[in-house]
Amino acid sequence: MAELAIEVRVTGQVQGVSFRYYTREEALSQGLRGWVRNLPDGSVAAWLQGDPDAVDQVRGWLLSGPPQARVIEVRVEPRTPDPALGEFEIRR
């Protein structure tokens, strides 16, 4: 099955609540590749790539995030899979 890649932007109370750490854990548990990072406007961006079912699983998790987070919106943009991506990482 072909890989699926999406880029997401999560807004709300998503910085200072370990959002990146938990996103990385969720992505790794699903075998995804990609990254997650904080943006200057207070939102979080992530690239999720891998098995389509696994990508959908993590995308669904992002709708609520970790217990301390208060997600307002998750915007999803389809992307072309990047063959150069390694293990899911937290970027600065």
N, C-alpha and C. Protein backbone atom coordinates (compact mmCIF):
# COMPACT_ATOMS: atom_id res chain seq x y z
N MET A 1 0.84 -1.18 0.00
CA MET A 1 0.00 0.00 0.00
C MET A 1 0.88 1.25 0.00
N ALA A 2 0.50 2.25 -0.74
CA ALA A 2 1.27 3.48 -0.84
C ALA A 2 1.20 4.28 0.46
N GLU A 3 2.27 4.99 0.73
CA GLU A 3 2.30 5.85 1.92
C GLU A 3 1.41 7.07 1.71
N LEU A 4 0.90 7.58 2.81
CA LEU A 4 0.13 8.81 2.84
C LEU A 4 0.95 9.83 3.61
N ALA A 5 0.94 11.08 3.14
CA ALA A 5 1.61 12.16 3.86
C ALA A 5 0.66 13.33 4.00
N ILE A 6 0.59 13.88 5.21
CA ILE A 6 -0.20 15.09 5.44
C ILE A 6 0.61 16.03 6.32
N GLU A 7 0.34 17.32 6.16
CA GLU A 7 0.90 18.32 7.06
C GLU A 7 -0.28 18.90 7.83
N VAL A 8 -0.14 18.97 9.14
CA VAL A 8 -1.23 19.47 9.97
C VAL A 8 -0.77 20.68 10.75
N ARG A 9 -1.74 21.53 11.08
CA ARG A 9 -1.50 22.68 11.95
C ARG A 9 -2.57 22.65 13.01
N VAL A 10 -2.13 22.63 14.27
CA VAL A 10 -3.04 22.51 15.40
C VAL A 10 -3.01 23.81 16.18
N THR A 11 -4.19 24.40 16.40
CA THR A 11 -4.29 25.64 17.15
C THR A 11 -5.05 25.41 18.45
N GLY A 12 -4.84 26.32 19.38
CA GLY A 12 -5.46 26.25 20.69
C GLY A 12 -4.38 26.36 21.75
N GLN A 13 -4.61 25.78 22.91
CA GLN A 13 -3.60 25.72 23.96
C GLN A 13 -2.78 24.46 23.72
N VAL A 14 -1.77 24.60 22.85
CA VAL A 14 -1.01 23.43 22.40
C VAL A 14 0.49 23.57 22.62
N GLN A 15 0.92 24.70 23.16
CA GLN A 15 2.33 24.84 23.52
C GLN A 15 2.43 24.92 25.03
N GLY A 16 3.51 24.36 25.57
CA GLY A 16 3.69 24.35 27.02
C GLY A 16 2.90 23.25 27.71
N VAL A 17 2.39 22.28 26.93
CA VAL A 17 1.60 21.18 27.49
C VAL A 17 2.12 19.82 27.02
N SER A 18 3.38 19.78 26.61
CA SER A 18 4.03 18.56 26.12
C SER A 18 3.39 18.00 24.85
N PHE A 19 2.77 18.86 24.06
CA PHE A 19 2.08 18.42 22.84
C PHE A 19 3.04 17.74 21.87
N ARG A 20 4.22 18.32 21.68
CA ARG A 20 5.18 17.73 20.75
C ARG A 20 5.63 16.35 21.22
N TYR A 21 5.93 16.23 22.50
CA TYR A 21 6.37 14.94 23.05
C TYR A 21 5.31 13.87 22.83
N TYR A 22 4.06 14.16 23.20
CA TYR A 22 3.00 13.17 23.06
C TYR A 22 2.70 12.86 21.60
N THR A 23 2.79 13.86 20.73
CA THR A 23 2.59 13.62 19.31
C THR A 23 3.65 12.68 18.78
N ARG A 24 4.89 12.89 19.19
CA ARG A 24 5.97 12.00 18.76
C ARG A 24 5.70 10.58 19.24
N GLU A 25 5.29 10.41 20.48
CA GLU A 25 5.00 9.08 21.03
C GLU A 25 3.87 8.40 20.25
N GLU A 26 2.82 9.13 19.94
CA GLU A 26 1.70 8.58 19.16
C GLU A 26 2.16 8.17 17.77
N ALA A 27 2.93 9.05 17.13
CA ALA A 27 3.40 8.77 15.77
C ALA A 27 4.32 7.54 15.75
N LEU A 28 5.23 7.46 16.71
CA LEU A 28 6.13 6.31 16.77
C LEU A 28 5.37 5.03 17.05
N SER A 29 4.35 5.10 17.89
CA SER A 29 3.57 3.89 18.21
C SER A 29 2.82 3.37 16.98
N GLN A 30 2.57 4.25 16.02
CA GLN A 30 1.88 3.87 14.79
C GLN A 30 2.86 3.61 13.64
N GLY A 31 4.15 3.74 13.91
CA GLY A 31 5.17 3.47 12.88
C GLY A 31 5.30 4.57 11.84
N LEU A 32 4.91 5.81 12.21
CA LEU A 32 4.99 6.91 11.25
C LEU A 32 6.36 7.55 11.23
N ARG A 33 6.64 8.21 10.13
CA ARG A 33 7.82 9.05 9.98
C ARG A 33 7.34 10.48 9.88
N GLY A 34 8.25 11.44 10.15
CA GLY A 34 7.88 12.84 10.04
C GLY A 34 8.46 13.67 11.15
N TRP A 35 7.73 14.74 11.50
CA TRP A 35 8.22 15.68 12.51
C TRP A 35 7.06 16.45 13.12
N VAL A 36 7.37 17.11 14.24
CA VAL A 36 6.43 18.01 14.90
C VAL A 36 7.24 19.18 15.45
N ARG A 37 6.67 20.39 15.40
CA ARG A 37 7.39 21.56 15.91
C ARG A 37 6.41 22.65 16.34
N ASN A 38 6.86 23.48 17.27
CA ASN A 38 6.10 24.66 17.67
C ASN A 38 6.31 25.75 16.63
N LEU A 39 5.27 26.55 16.41
CA LEU A 39 5.37 27.70 15.52
C LEU A 39 5.31 28.98 16.35
N PRO A 40 5.88 30.08 15.83
CA PRO A 40 5.92 31.33 16.60
C PRO A 40 4.54 31.87 17.00
N ASP A 41 3.49 31.53 16.26
CA ASP A 41 2.16 32.05 16.58
C ASP A 41 1.44 31.27 17.68
N GLY A 42 2.12 30.28 18.28
CA GLY A 42 1.52 29.50 19.35
C GLY A 42 0.88 28.19 18.91
N SER A 43 0.88 27.94 17.61
CA SER A 43 0.31 26.69 17.11
C SER A 43 1.41 25.63 17.00
N VAL A 44 1.01 24.42 16.63
CA VAL A 44 1.94 23.31 16.42
C VAL A 44 1.73 22.79 15.01
N ALA A 45 2.84 22.53 14.30
CA ALA A 45 2.78 21.95 12.96
C ALA A 45 3.39 20.55 13.02
N ALA A 46 2.87 19.66 12.18
CA ALA A 46 3.41 18.30 12.12
C ALA A 46 3.29 17.75 10.71
N TRP A 47 4.22 16.89 10.37
CA TRP A 47 4.20 16.13 9.12
C TRP A 47 4.04 14.67 9.51
N LEU A 48 2.97 14.06 9.05
CA LEU A 48 2.70 12.65 9.35
C LEU A 48 2.79 11.87 8.06
N GLN A 49 3.59 10.81 8.05
CA GLN A 49 3.78 10.03 6.84
C GLN A 49 3.92 8.56 7.16
N GLY A 50 3.18 7.75 6.41
CA GLY A 50 3.26 6.31 6.58
C GLY A 50 2.00 5.63 6.09
N ASP A 51 1.68 4.49 6.69
CA ASP A 51 0.49 3.74 6.35
C ASP A 51 -0.75 4.63 6.52
N PRO A 52 -1.64 4.69 5.52
CA PRO A 52 -2.81 5.57 5.61
C PRO A 52 -3.65 5.38 6.87
N ASP A 53 -3.85 4.15 7.31
CA ASP A 53 -4.62 3.91 8.53
C ASP A 53 -3.92 4.49 9.75
N ALA A 54 -2.61 4.37 9.79
CA ALA A 54 -1.84 4.90 10.91
C ALA A 54 -1.86 6.43 10.91
N VAL A 55 -1.75 7.02 9.72
CA VAL A 55 -1.83 8.48 9.61
C VAL A 55 -3.19 8.95 10.11
N ASP A 56 -4.26 8.28 9.70
CA ASP A 56 -5.61 8.65 10.15
C ASP A 56 -5.76 8.50 11.66
N GLN A 57 -5.15 7.47 12.22
CA GLN A 57 -5.20 7.25 13.67
C GLN A 57 -4.59 8.42 14.42
N VAL A 58 -3.41 8.85 14.01
CA VAL A 58 -2.73 9.95 14.69
C VAL A 58 -3.45 11.27 14.41
N ARG A 59 -3.94 11.44 13.20
CA ARG A 59 -4.72 12.66 12.90
C ARG A 59 -5.92 12.76 13.84
N GLY A 60 -6.58 11.66 14.06
CA GLY A 60 -7.70 11.65 14.99
C GLY A 60 -7.29 11.98 16.41
N TRP A 61 -6.15 11.46 16.83
CA TRP A 61 -5.64 11.76 18.17
C TRP A 61 -5.36 13.24 18.33
N LEU A 62 -4.88 13.89 17.26
CA LEU A 62 -4.56 15.32 17.31
C LEU A 62 -5.79 16.18 17.60
N LEU A 63 -6.97 15.68 17.35
CA LEU A 63 -8.19 16.45 17.61
C LEU A 63 -8.36 16.78 19.09
N SER A 64 -7.75 15.98 19.96
CA SER A 64 -7.82 16.28 21.39
C SER A 64 -6.42 16.46 21.99
N GLY A 65 -5.43 15.73 21.49
CA GLY A 65 -4.07 15.85 21.99
C GLY A 65 -3.92 15.31 23.40
N PRO A 66 -2.84 15.72 24.09
CA PRO A 66 -2.62 15.23 25.45
C PRO A 66 -3.62 15.87 26.43
N PRO A 67 -3.72 15.33 27.63
CA PRO A 67 -4.73 15.80 28.58
C PRO A 67 -4.69 17.30 28.88
N GLN A 68 -3.52 17.91 28.91
CA GLN A 68 -3.40 19.32 29.26
C GLN A 68 -3.76 20.26 28.11
N ALA A 69 -3.81 19.76 26.91
CA ALA A 69 -4.06 20.59 25.72
C ALA A 69 -5.55 20.93 25.58
N ARG A 70 -5.79 22.03 24.89
CA ARG A 70 -7.15 22.43 24.51
C ARG A 70 -7.10 22.76 23.02
N VAL A 71 -7.40 21.78 22.21
CA VAL A 71 -7.32 21.93 20.75
C VAL A 71 -8.55 22.67 20.26
N ILE A 72 -8.33 23.70 19.45
CA ILE A 72 -9.43 24.45 18.84
C ILE A 72 -9.66 23.98 17.41
N GLU A 73 -8.56 23.79 16.67
CA GLU A 73 -8.69 23.43 15.26
C GLU A 73 -7.50 22.61 14.81
N VAL A 74 -7.76 21.67 13.91
CA VAL A 74 -6.71 20.90 13.25
C VAL A 74 -6.93 21.05 11.74
N ARG A 75 -6.01 21.73 11.09
CA ARG A 75 -6.08 21.89 9.63
C ARG A 75 -5.16 20.89 8.98
N VAL A 76 -5.64 20.24 7.94
CA VAL A 76 -4.89 19.17 7.28
C VAL A 76 -4.69 19.52 5.81
N GLU A 77 -3.44 19.38 5.36
CA GLU A 77 -3.10 19.58 3.96
C GLU A 77 -2.42 18.31 3.44
N PRO A 78 -2.92 17.74 2.35
CA PRO A 78 -2.23 16.58 1.77
C PRO A 78 -0.88 16.99 1.21
N ARG A 79 0.08 16.11 1.32
CA ARG A 79 1.43 16.36 0.81
C ARG A 79 1.92 15.15 0.04
N THR A 80 2.96 15.35 -0.75
CA THR A 80 3.62 14.26 -1.45
C THR A 80 4.59 13.60 -0.48
N PRO A 81 4.52 12.29 -0.31
CA PRO A 81 5.44 11.63 0.62
C PRO A 81 6.90 11.96 0.32
N ASP A 82 7.66 12.16 1.38
CA ASP A 82 9.08 12.52 1.28
C ASP A 82 9.91 11.27 1.59
N PRO A 83 10.56 10.68 0.60
CA PRO A 83 11.33 9.46 0.83
C PRO A 83 12.55 9.68 1.73
N ALA A 84 12.96 10.93 1.96
CA ALA A 84 14.14 11.21 2.76
C ALA A 84 13.84 11.28 4.27
N LEU A 85 12.57 11.23 4.65
CA LEU A 85 12.24 11.34 6.07
C LEU A 85 12.72 10.12 6.85
N GLY A 86 13.25 10.40 8.04
CA GLY A 86 13.66 9.33 8.94
C GLY A 86 12.64 9.15 10.04
N GLU A 87 13.09 8.65 11.17
CA GLU A 87 12.22 8.42 12.32
C GLU A 87 11.55 9.73 12.74
N PHE A 88 10.34 9.62 13.26
CA PHE A 88 9.57 10.80 13.68
C PHE A 88 10.36 11.57 14.73
N GLU A 89 10.48 12.89 14.54
CA GLU A 89 11.31 13.69 15.43
C GLU A 89 10.63 14.99 15.85
N ILE A 90 11.09 15.51 16.96
CA ILE A 90 10.67 16.84 17.41
C ILE A 90 11.66 17.83 16.84
N ARG A 91 11.15 18.81 16.12
CA ARG A 91 12.01 19.85 15.55
C ARG A 91 11.83 21.14 16.32
N ARG A 92 12.84 21.94 16.29
CA ARG A 92 12.80 23.25 16.99
C ARG A 92 12.60 24.35 16.00
